Amino acid sequence: MSQPLPKNRTEWLIFFRRAKTVDTLDLMLDGALKKLKTPAEQADAILGHEARLDELEGSR
């Protein structure tokens, strides 16, 4: 049984924190966007992705 998808950008950030590399992060976003139906849901996922990307790039 799969877990429900996050509901807001904070939950998406927590979800994306499982990614330790930018490549993994991008793959996770691609998979999530395929499952999301509304533009608002997709926007929250993208904003969470961008927040995690900033974290990863800041740790370099």
Protein backbone atom coordinates (compact mmCIF):
# COMPACT_ATOMS: atom_id res chain seq x y z
CA MET A 1 0.00 0.00 0.00
CA SER A 2 1.43 3.39 -0.96
CA GLN A 3 1.55 6.37 1.34
CA PRO A 4 -0.67 9.37 0.62
CA LEU A 5 1.06 12.27 -1.10
CA PRO A 6 1.91 15.38 0.93
CA LYS A 7 -0.78 18.08 1.07
CA ASN A 8 1.19 21.35 1.26
CA ARG A 9 4.61 22.75 0.48
CA THR A 10 5.94 22.14 4.00
CA GLU A 11 4.97 18.48 3.78
CA TRP A 12 6.54 18.33 0.32
CA LEU A 13 9.80 19.74 1.71
CA ILE A 14 9.82 17.04 4.38
CA PHE A 15 9.08 14.43 1.70
CA PHE A 16 11.88 15.71 -0.55
CA ARG A 17 14.39 15.69 2.31
CA ARG A 18 14.77 11.96 1.64
CA ALA A 19 16.73 12.97 -1.47
CA LYS A 20 20.44 13.33 -0.85
CA THR A 21 21.41 14.33 -4.40
CA VAL A 22 19.95 16.71 -6.97
CA ASP A 23 19.43 13.84 -9.42
CA THR A 24 17.33 11.91 -6.91
CA LEU A 25 15.41 15.06 -6.02
CA ASP A 26 14.55 15.67 -9.68
CA LEU A 27 13.37 12.08 -10.14
CA MET A 28 11.16 12.37 -7.08
CA LEU A 29 9.59 15.57 -8.44
CA ASP A 30 8.95 13.99 -11.85
CA GLY A 31 7.17 11.06 -10.24
CA ALA A 32 5.12 13.30 -7.98
CA LEU A 33 4.02 15.61 -10.80
CA LYS A 34 2.67 12.64 -12.75
CA LYS A 35 0.41 11.73 -9.82
CA LEU A 36 -0.87 15.22 -8.99
CA LYS A 37 -4.03 16.43 -10.65
CA THR A 38 -4.42 20.16 -9.97
CA PRO A 39 -2.09 23.07 -10.68
CA ALA A 40 -2.21 24.06 -7.00
CA GLU A 41 -1.00 20.61 -5.94
CA GLN A 42 1.74 20.72 -8.55
CA ALA A 43 2.79 24.21 -7.44
CA ASP A 44 3.13 23.05 -3.82
CA ALA A 45 5.31 20.14 -4.94
CA ILE A 46 7.49 22.40 -7.07
CA LEU A 47 7.93 24.91 -4.24
CA GLY A 48 8.88 22.10 -1.85
CA HIS A 49 11.33 20.81 -4.47
CA GLU A 50 12.90 24.26 -4.83
CA ALA A 51 13.26 24.63 -1.05
CA ARG A 52 15.06 21.28 -0.84
CA LEU A 53 17.22 22.18 -3.83
CA ASP A 54 18.30 25.34 -1.99
CA GLU A 55 19.19 23.22 1.04
CA LEU A 56 21.26 20.81 -1.05
CA GLU A 57 23.08 23.56 -2.89
CA GLY A 58 23.73 25.44 0.35
CA SER A 59 25.45 22.42 1.87
CA ARG A 60 28.05 22.18 -0.91
